[in-house]
Amino acid sequence: MSRVAANQAKSVEARKQYVYRQEELVSLHKGNGKLACQEKREYTVTPGPTGIVKQVMKSEAKGDGTCTVTFDSSSGKEFETDGLASGNSADGIPHELFPLTAGEQRLYSYKLEGIEKYRDRQVYRISFQPNHQRDKDGDEGYWKGETLIDVEEFQPVLVTTDLTAKIPMAVRILLGTNVRGVGFTVTYQRMPDGIWFPASFGGEFEVRALFFMKRTVALNVTNSDFRHTGVVSSLAFDIDKW
């Protein structure tokens, strides 16, 4: 996994050389299955010095209000659907959802479950769960799940996670609020130059609030139309000095 972490760091830096299109879809459905709201956005994403720069190319909305849900887990971690969909990391994917970087790996235990073939490539199937260690801010890991790691290049191909931290019991009893089935999936695509890029991520979960409100939240983000940025240089000469 240390090799995976090192490759993740290299890939994040290499991805800054790409411009791509990102499509984002967030929807909330009521308890009876009817659509409460839906927001669809399309961005052009370009690399920046500290992260990505997203320019909205198209935006559509249905229903009333905005499709944003915020909740706190027992770990003290706050999750907001709008923040997840609009992650401003170097490649647009919120990395804290998928614990494969060197910093995140310190908070998890990993187990090799086997070797198999996935989309014509040999992969390691590895499970992970929090190891109850804490980072410098005192936070523990709060995801469990599985990842498929390419055998040849030690890059993630697929990662699935489930939230282990729960809504505090007091909140569930006093406010009738609970969240179920919080989990996310990310898939990676290999570029012709050997760079692995997150092609999609998404998830679906159920929120029950104040005893009477139920919402099913679905989030899906896809990256496509990857274009390698070019560098154009020019030279100017002052002839009078020659």
C-alpha atoms as a PDB file:
ATOM      1  CA  MET A   1       0.000   0.000   0.000  1.00  0.00           C
ATOM      2  CA  SER A   2       2.975   2.321   0.443  1.00  0.00           C
ATOM      3  CA  ARG A   3       3.611   1.981  -3.306  1.00  0.00           C
ATOM      4  CA  VAL A   4      -0.026   2.831  -3.961  1.00  0.00           C
ATOM      5  CA  ALA A   5       0.282   5.944  -1.778  1.00  0.00           C
ATOM      6  CA  ALA A   6       3.444   7.057  -3.603  1.00  0.00           C
ATOM      7  CA  ASN A   7       1.780   6.534  -6.988  1.00  0.00           C
ATOM      8  CA  GLN A   8      -1.303   8.430  -5.827  1.00  0.00           C
ATOM      9  CA  ALA A   9       0.857  11.443  -4.982  1.00  0.00           C
ATOM     10  CA  LYS A  10       2.577  11.309  -8.383  1.00  0.00           C
ATOM     11  CA  SER A  11      -0.733  10.899 -10.212  1.00  0.00           C
ATOM     12  CA  VAL A  12      -2.359  13.845  -8.442  1.00  0.00           C
ATOM     13  CA  GLU A  13       0.519  16.055  -9.575  1.00  0.00           C
ATOM     14  CA  ALA A  14       0.412  14.687 -13.145  1.00  0.00           C
ATOM     15  CA  ARG A  15      -3.349  15.229 -13.400  1.00  0.00           C
ATOM     16  CA  LYS A  16      -2.772  18.966 -13.126  1.00  0.00           C
ATOM     17  CA  GLN A  17      -1.674  18.807 -16.756  1.00  0.00           C
ATOM     18  CA  TYR A  18      -5.175  17.857 -17.911  1.00  0.00           C
ATOM     19  CA  VAL A  19      -8.214  19.883 -18.891  1.00  0.00           C
ATOM     20  CA  TYR A  20     -11.461  17.936 -18.839  1.00  0.00           C
ATOM     21  CA  ARG A  21     -15.234  18.101 -18.660  1.00  0.00           C
ATOM     22  CA  GLN A  22     -17.061  17.292 -15.456  1.00  0.00           C
ATOM     23  CA  GLU A  23     -20.776  16.508 -15.251  1.00  0.00           C
ATOM     24  CA  GLU A  24     -22.410  16.618 -11.832  1.00  0.00           C
ATOM     25  CA  LEU A  25     -25.885  15.375 -10.909  1.00  0.00           C
ATOM     26  CA  VAL A  26     -27.407  15.674  -7.424  1.00  0.00           C
ATOM     27  CA  SER A  27     -30.995  14.639  -6.718  1.00  0.00           C
ATOM     28  CA  LEU A  28     -33.257  14.274  -3.686  1.00  0.00           C
ATOM     29  CA  HIS A  29     -36.340  12.063  -3.672  1.00  0.00           C
ATOM     30  CA  LYS A  30     -39.152  12.176  -1.132  1.00  0.00           C
ATOM     31  CA  GLY A  31     -40.273   9.194   0.926  1.00  0.00           C
ATOM     32  CA  ASN A  32     -42.990   8.440  -1.642  1.00  0.00           C
ATOM     33  CA  GLY A  33     -40.404   8.275  -4.431  1.00  0.00           C
ATOM     34  CA  LYS A  34     -41.306  11.616  -6.033  1.00  0.00           C
ATOM     35  CA  LEU A  35     -38.534  13.983  -7.017  1.00  0.00           C
ATOM     36  CA  ALA A  36     -37.962  16.756  -4.470  1.00  0.00           C
ATOM     37  CA  CYS A  37     -35.185  18.520  -6.365  1.00  0.00           C
ATOM     38  CA  GLN A  38     -32.482  17.877  -8.915  1.00  0.00           C
ATOM     39  CA  GLU A  39     -29.459  19.892  -9.948  1.00  0.00           C
ATOM     40  CA  LYS A  40     -27.352  19.154 -12.997  1.00  0.00           C
ATOM     41  CA  ARG A  41     -24.198  21.082 -13.845  1.00  0.00           C
ATOM     42  CA  GLU A  42     -21.528  20.802 -16.488  1.00  0.00           C
ATOM     43  CA  TYR A  43     -18.074  22.284 -15.957  1.00  0.00           C
ATOM     44  CA  THR A  44     -14.867  22.809 -17.845  1.00  0.00           C
ATOM     45  CA  VAL A  45     -12.122  21.991 -15.369  1.00  0.00           C
ATOM     46  CA  THR A  46      -8.605  23.398 -15.688  1.00  0.00           C
ATOM     47  CA  PRO A  47      -5.583  22.976 -13.398  1.00  0.00           C
ATOM     48  CA  GLY A  48      -4.556  25.738 -11.017  1.00  0.00           C
ATOM     49  CA  PRO A  49      -1.586  26.334  -8.668  1.00  0.00           C
ATOM     50  CA  THR A  50      -3.346  24.885  -5.599  1.00  0.00           C
ATOM     51  CA  GLY A  51      -6.218  22.933  -7.129  1.00  0.00           C
ATOM     52  CA  ILE A  52      -8.658  22.951  -9.978  1.00  0.00           C
ATOM     53  CA  VAL A  53     -10.605  25.835 -11.470  1.00  0.00           C
ATOM     54  CA  LYS A  54     -14.150  24.939 -12.477  1.00  0.00           C
ATOM     55  CA  GLN A  55     -16.077  27.043 -14.993  1.00  0.00           C
ATOM     56  CA  VAL A  56     -19.806  26.379 -15.210  1.00  0.00           C
ATOM     57  CA  MET A  57     -20.818  25.705 -18.813  1.00  0.00           C
ATOM     58  CA  LYS A  58     -24.379  24.561 -18.199  1.00  0.00           C
ATOM     59  CA  SER A  59     -26.712  24.446 -15.199  1.00  0.00           C
ATOM     60  CA  GLU A  60     -30.199  22.978 -14.856  1.00  0.00           C
ATOM     61  CA  ALA A  61     -32.465  22.615 -11.825  1.00  0.00           C
ATOM     62  CA  LYS A  62     -35.783  20.962 -11.068  1.00  0.00           C
ATOM     63  CA  GLY A  63     -37.986  21.094  -7.991  1.00  0.00           C
ATOM     64  CA  ASP A  64     -37.955  23.530  -5.077  1.00  0.00           C
ATOM     65  CA  GLY A  65     -34.894  24.764  -3.202  1.00  0.00           C
ATOM     66  CA  THR A  66     -31.352  23.468  -3.491  1.00  0.00           C
ATOM     67  CA  CYS A  67     -30.267  19.831  -3.315  1.00  0.00           C
ATOM     68  CA  THR A  68     -28.012  20.238  -0.299  1.00  0.00           C
ATOM     69  CA  VAL A  69     -27.991  17.982   2.757  1.00  0.00           C
ATOM     70  CA  THR A  70     -25.643  18.519   5.708  1.00  0.00           C
ATOM     71  CA  PHE A  71     -25.217  16.149   8.651  1.00  0.00           C
ATOM     72  CA  ASP A  72     -22.726  15.452  11.433  1.00  0.00           C
ATOM     73  CA  SER A  73     -21.449  11.983  12.307  1.00  0.00           C
ATOM     74  CA  SER A  74     -20.397  10.772  15.738  1.00  0.00           C
ATOM     75  CA  SER A  75     -16.786  11.436  14.730  1.00  0.00           C
ATOM     76  CA  GLY A  76     -17.582  15.128  14.550  1.00  0.00           C
ATOM     77  CA  LYS A  77     -17.081  15.057  10.781  1.00  0.00           C
ATOM     78  CA  GLU A  78     -19.552  17.173   8.835  1.00  0.00           C
ATOM     79  CA  PHE A  79     -20.722  15.952   5.428  1.00  0.00           C
ATOM     80  CA  GLU A  80     -22.431  18.156   2.874  1.00  0.00           C
ATOM     81  CA  THR A  81     -23.615  16.835  -0.473  1.00  0.00           C
ATOM     82  CA  ASP A  82     -22.885  20.104  -2.246  1.00  0.00           C
ATOM     83  CA  GLY A  83     -19.333  20.100  -0.935  1.00  0.00           C
ATOM     84  CA  LEU A  84     -18.769  16.497  -2.009  1.00  0.00           C
ATOM     85  CA  ALA A  85     -19.991  17.139  -5.533  1.00  0.00           C
ATOM     86  CA  SER A  86     -17.879  20.273  -5.879  1.00  0.00           C
ATOM     87  CA  GLY A  87     -14.623  19.019  -4.412  1.00  0.00           C
ATOM     88  CA  ASN A  88     -11.746  21.361  -5.213  1.00  0.00           C
ATOM     89  CA  SER A  89      -8.892  18.866  -5.053  1.00  0.00           C
ATOM     90  CA  ALA A  90      -6.339  18.683  -7.841  1.00  0.00           C
ATOM     91  CA  ASP A  91      -8.578  16.320  -9.813  1.00  0.00           C
ATOM     92  CA  GLY A  92     -12.063  17.206  -8.524  1.00  0.00           C
ATOM     93  CA  ILE A  93     -12.470  14.089  -6.386  1.00  0.00           C
ATOM     94  CA  PRO A  94     -12.657  14.583  -2.590  1.00  0.00           C
ATOM     95  CA  HIS A  95      -9.806  12.266  -1.500  1.00  0.00           C
ATOM     96  CA  GLU A  96     -10.973  12.004   2.117  1.00  0.00           C
ATOM     97  CA  LEU A  97     -13.727   9.680   0.866  1.00  0.00           C
ATOM     98  CA  PHE A  98     -11.195   7.153  -0.427  1.00  0.00           C
ATOM     99  CA  PRO A  99      -8.321   6.513   2.040  1.00  0.00           C
ATOM    100  CA  LEU A 100      -5.381   5.631  -0.193  1.00  0.00           C
ATOM    101  CA  THR A 101      -2.997   8.560   0.275  1.00  0.00           C
ATOM    102  CA  ALA A 102      -0.069   8.271   2.687  1.00  0.00           C
ATOM    103  CA  GLY A 103      -1.746  10.489   5.267  1.00  0.00           C
ATOM    104  CA  GLU A 104      -5.052   8.618   5.180  1.00  0.00           C
ATOM    105  CA  GLN A 105      -3.430   5.172   5.213  1.00  0.00           C
ATOM    106  CA  ARG A 106      -2.090   5.777   8.719  1.00  0.00           C
ATOM    107  CA  LEU A 107      -5.668   5.621   9.993  1.00  0.00           C
ATOM    108  CA  TYR A 108      -6.586   2.284   8.371  1.00  0.00           C
ATOM    109  CA  SER A 109      -5.763  -1.416   8.363  1.00  0.00           C
ATOM    110  CA  TYR A 110      -5.568  -3.184   4.981  1.00  0.00           C
ATOM    111  CA  LYS A 111      -5.979  -6.853   4.112  1.00  0.00           C
ATOM    112  CA  LEU A 112      -5.241  -8.640   0.839  1.00  0.00           C
ATOM    113  CA  GLU A 113      -8.357 -10.644  -0.072  1.00  0.00           C
ATOM    114  CA  GLY A 114      -7.075 -12.118  -3.329  1.00  0.00           C
ATOM    115  CA  ILE A 115      -5.990 -11.560  -6.932  1.00  0.00           C
ATOM    116  CA  GLU A 116      -8.491 -11.481  -9.808  1.00  0.00           C
ATOM    117  CA  LYS A 117      -9.107 -10.045 -13.266  1.00  0.00           C
ATOM    118  CA  TYR A 118     -11.085  -6.838 -13.724  1.00  0.00           C
ATOM    119  CA  ARG A 119     -11.619  -5.292 -17.158  1.00  0.00           C
ATOM    120  CA  ASP A 120      -8.796  -7.365 -18.670  1.00  0.00           C
ATOM    121  CA  ARG A 121      -6.272  -6.331 -16.000  1.00  0.00           C
ATOM    122  CA  GLN A 122      -4.967  -8.302 -13.027  1.00  0.00           C
ATOM    123  CA  VAL A 123      -5.880  -6.602  -9.761  1.00  0.00           C
ATOM    124  CA  TYR A 124      -5.416  -7.090  -6.035  1.00  0.00           C
ATOM    125  CA  ARG A 125      -8.650  -7.028  -4.045  1.00  0.00           C
ATOM    126  CA  ILE A 126      -7.905  -5.294  -0.747  1.00  0.00           C
ATOM    127  CA  SER A 127     -10.280  -4.575   2.118  1.00  0.00           C
ATOM    128  CA  PHE A 128      -9.771  -1.799   4.656  1.00  0.00           C
ATOM    129  CA  GLN A 129     -11.231  -0.515   7.907  1.00  0.00           C
ATOM    130  CA  PRO A 130     -10.311   2.067  10.565  1.00  0.00           C
ATOM    131  CA  ASN A 131      -7.473   1.049  12.897  1.00  0.00           C
ATOM    132  CA  HIS A 132      -8.563   3.532  15.631  1.00  0.00           C
ATOM    133  CA  GLN A 133      -5.386   5.585  15.266  1.00  0.00           C
ATOM    134  CA  ARG A 134      -5.742   9.363  15.230  1.00  0.00           C
ATOM    135  CA  ASP A 135      -4.186  12.026  13.034  1.00  0.00           C
ATOM    136  CA  LYS A 136      -2.647  15.294  14.233  1.00  0.00           C
ATOM    137  CA  ASP A 137      -6.132  16.826  14.543  1.00  0.00           C
ATOM    138  CA  GLY A 138      -7.357  13.945  16.700  1.00  0.00           C
ATOM    139  CA  ASP A 139      -9.581  12.459  13.976  1.00  0.00           C
ATOM    140  CA  GLU A 140      -9.959   8.738  13.317  1.00  0.00           C
ATOM    141  CA  GLY A 141     -10.706   6.970  10.052  1.00  0.00           C
ATOM    142  CA  TYR A 142     -14.439   6.684   9.382  1.00  0.00           C
ATOM    143  CA  TRP A 143     -14.683   4.522   6.249  1.00  0.00           C
ATOM    144  CA  LYS A 144     -14.558   0.805   5.541  1.00  0.00           C
ATOM    145  CA  GLY A 145     -14.599  -0.828   2.144  1.00  0.00           C
ATOM    146  CA  GLU A 146     -12.646  -2.452  -0.662  1.00  0.00           C
ATOM    147  CA  THR A 147     -10.303  -1.360  -3.412  1.00  0.00           C
ATOM    148  CA  LEU A 148      -9.029  -3.016  -6.576  1.00  0.00           C
ATOM    149  CA  ILE A 149      -5.350  -2.223  -7.220  1.00  0.00           C
ATOM    150  CA  ASP A 150      -3.712  -2.792 -10.601  1.00  0.00           C
ATOM    151  CA  VAL A 151      -1.037  -5.484 -10.183  1.00  0.00           C
ATOM    152  CA  GLU A 152       1.407  -4.015 -12.709  1.00  0.00           C
ATOM    153  CA  GLU A 153       1.173  -0.312 -11.912  1.00  0.00           C
ATOM    154  CA  PHE A 154      -0.041  -0.265  -8.276  1.00  0.00           C
ATOM    155  CA  GLN A 155      -2.805   2.202  -9.114  1.00  0.00           C
ATOM    156  CA  PRO A 156      -6.396   2.045  -7.831  1.00  0.00           C
ATOM    157  CA  VAL A 157      -8.920   0.890 -10.414  1.00  0.00           C
ATOM    158  CA  LEU A 158     -12.044   0.871  -8.243  1.00  0.00           C
ATOM    159  CA  VAL A 159     -12.727   1.955  -4.647  1.00  0.00           C
ATOM    160  CA  THR A 160     -15.939   1.460  -2.664  1.00  0.00           C
ATOM    161  CA  THR A 161     -16.525   2.860   0.822  1.00  0.00           C
ATOM    162  CA  ASP A 162     -19.138   2.737   3.572  1.00  0.00           C
ATOM    163  CA  LEU A 163     -19.343   5.183   6.455  1.00  0.00           C
ATOM    164  CA  THR A 164     -18.557   3.570   9.824  1.00  0.00           C
ATOM    165  CA  ALA A 165     -19.211   6.658  11.979  1.00  0.00           C
ATOM    166  CA  LYS A 166     -22.875   6.946  12.957  1.00  0.00           C
ATOM    167  CA  ILE A 167     -25.189   9.802  13.813  1.00  0.00           C
ATOM    168  CA  PRO A 168     -24.974  10.238  17.627  1.00  0.00           C
ATOM    169  CA  MET A 169     -27.670   8.333  19.568  1.00  0.00           C
ATOM    170  CA  ALA A 170     -28.836  11.501  21.311  1.00  0.00           C
ATOM    171  CA  VAL A 171     -29.529  13.137  17.960  1.00  0.00           C
ATOM    172  CA  ARG A 172     -31.408  10.081  16.703  1.00  0.00           C
ATOM    173  CA  ILE A 173     -33.597   9.976  19.841  1.00  0.00           C
ATOM    174  CA  LEU A 174     -34.213  13.682  20.443  1.00  0.00           C
ATOM    175  CA  LEU A 175     -34.509  14.874  16.848  1.00  0.00           C
ATOM    176  CA  GLY A 176     -35.502  11.704  15.057  1.00  0.00           C
ATOM    177  CA  THR A 177     -32.626  12.164  12.623  1.00  0.00           C
ATOM    178  CA  ASN A 178     -30.656   9.323  11.066  1.00  0.00           C
ATOM    179  CA  VAL A 179     -28.605   8.582   7.965  1.00  0.00           C
ATOM    180  CA  ARG A 180     -28.396   5.158   6.369  1.00  0.00           C
ATOM    181  CA  GLY A 181     -26.335   3.628   3.635  1.00  0.00           C
ATOM    182  CA  VAL A 182     -23.727   6.363   3.295  1.00  0.00           C
ATOM    183  CA  GLY A 183     -21.137   5.105   0.854  1.00  0.00           C
ATOM    184  CA  PHE A 184     -19.302   6.144  -2.270  1.00  0.00           C
ATOM    185  CA  THR A 185     -17.643   4.541  -5.281  1.00  0.00           C
ATOM    186  CA  VAL A 186     -14.892   5.903  -7.506  1.00  0.00           C
ATOM    187  CA  THR A 187     -13.609   4.375 -10.743  1.00  0.00           C
ATOM    188  CA  TYR A 188     -10.335   5.191 -12.479  1.00  0.00           C
ATOM    189  CA  GLN A 189      -9.400   5.318 -16.154  1.00  0.00           C
ATOM    190  CA  ARG A 190      -5.890   4.906 -17.532  1.00  0.00           C
ATOM    191  CA  MET A 191      -4.772   7.635 -19.927  1.00  0.00           C
ATOM    192  CA  PRO A 192      -2.596   6.799 -22.971  1.00  0.00           C
ATOM    193  CA  ASP A 193       0.438   8.372 -21.265  1.00  0.00           C
ATOM    194  CA  GLY A 194       0.024   6.034 -18.276  1.00  0.00           C
ATOM    195  CA  ILE A 195      -1.684   8.521 -15.930  1.00  0.00           C
ATOM    196  CA  TRP A 196      -4.666   7.111 -14.023  1.00  0.00           C
ATOM    197  CA  PHE A 197      -7.536   9.565 -13.738  1.00  0.00           C
ATOM    198  CA  PRO A 198     -10.715   9.341 -11.624  1.00  0.00           C
ATOM    199  CA  ALA A 199     -13.434   8.919 -14.253  1.00  0.00           C
ATOM    200  CA  SER A 200     -16.468   8.859 -11.980  1.00  0.00           C
ATOM    201  CA  PHE A 201     -17.611   8.864  -8.394  1.00  0.00           C
ATOM    202  CA  GLY A 202     -20.980   8.786  -6.719  1.00  0.00           C
ATOM    203  CA  GLY A 203     -23.172   7.388  -3.994  1.00  0.00           C
ATOM    204  CA  GLU A 204     -26.673   7.129  -2.625  1.00  0.00           C
ATOM    205  CA  PHE A 205     -27.966   7.289   0.936  1.00  0.00           C
ATOM    206  CA  GLU A 206     -31.125   7.866   2.937  1.00  0.00           C
ATOM    207  CA  VAL A 207     -31.746  10.706   5.377  1.00  0.00           C
ATOM    208  CA  ARG A 208     -34.528  10.705   7.971  1.00  0.00           C
ATOM    209  CA  ALA A 209     -34.971  13.973   9.860  1.00  0.00           C
ATOM    210  CA  LEU A 210     -37.313  15.306  12.540  1.00  0.00           C
ATOM    211  CA  PHE A 211     -39.345  12.074  12.603  1.00  0.00           C
ATOM    212  CA  PHE A 212     -41.437  12.957   9.556  1.00  0.00           C
ATOM    213  CA  MET A 213     -39.079  13.837   6.686  1.00  0.00           C
ATOM    214  CA  LYS A 214     -37.350  11.200   4.570  1.00  0.00           C
ATOM    215  CA  ARG A 215     -35.073  11.904   1.634  1.00  0.00           C
ATOM    216  CA  THR A 216     -33.018   9.662  -0.628  1.00  0.00           C
ATOM    217  CA  VAL A 217     -29.946  11.505  -1.847  1.00  0.00           C
ATOM    218  CA  ALA A 218     -28.146  10.456  -5.030  1.00  0.00           C
ATOM    219  CA  LEU A 219     -24.878  11.968  -6.194  1.00  0.00           C
ATOM    220  CA  ASN A 220     -23.052  11.219  -9.422  1.00  0.00           C
ATOM    221  CA  VAL A 221     -20.023  12.938 -10.958  1.00  0.00           C
ATOM    222  CA  THR A 222     -18.338  11.915 -14.212  1.00  0.00           C
ATOM    223  CA  ASN A 223     -15.134  13.210 -15.804  1.00  0.00           C
ATOM    224  CA  SER A 224     -14.580  12.916 -19.550  1.00  0.00           C
ATOM    225  CA  ASP A 225     -13.046  14.545 -22.628  1.00  0.00           C
ATOM    226  CA  PHE A 226      -9.566  14.542 -21.094  1.00  0.00           C
ATOM    227  CA  ARG A 227      -7.115  16.814 -22.894  1.00  0.00           C
ATOM    228  CA  HIS A 228      -3.457  17.175 -22.057  1.00  0.00           C
ATOM    229  CA  THR A 229      -2.510  20.828 -21.685  1.00  0.00           C
ATOM    230  CA  GLY A 230       0.242  22.014 -23.990  1.00  0.00           C
ATOM    231  CA  VAL A 231       3.028  24.447 -23.316  1.00  0.00           C
ATOM    232  CA  VAL A 232       3.735  26.989 -26.034  1.00  0.00           C
ATOM    233  CA  SER A 233       6.997  28.925 -25.768  1.00  0.00           C
ATOM    234  CA  SER A 234       8.252  31.839 -27.851  1.00  0.00           C
ATOM    235  CA  LEU A 235      11.564  33.695 -28.013  1.00  0.00           C
ATOM    236  CA  ALA A 236      12.018  37.409 -28.744  1.00  0.00           C
ATOM    237  CA  PHE A 237      15.383  38.927 -29.701  1.00  0.00           C
ATOM    238  CA  ASP A 238      16.490  42.535 -29.476  1.00  0.00           C
ATOM    239  CA  ILE A 239      18.435  42.855 -32.740  1.00  0.00           C
ATOM    240  CA  ASP A 240      20.025  46.183 -31.735  1.00  0.00           C
ATOM    241  CA  LYS A 241      21.962  44.385 -28.983  1.00  0.00           C
ATOM    242  CA  TRP A 242      23.440  41.811 -31.373  1.00  0.00           C
END
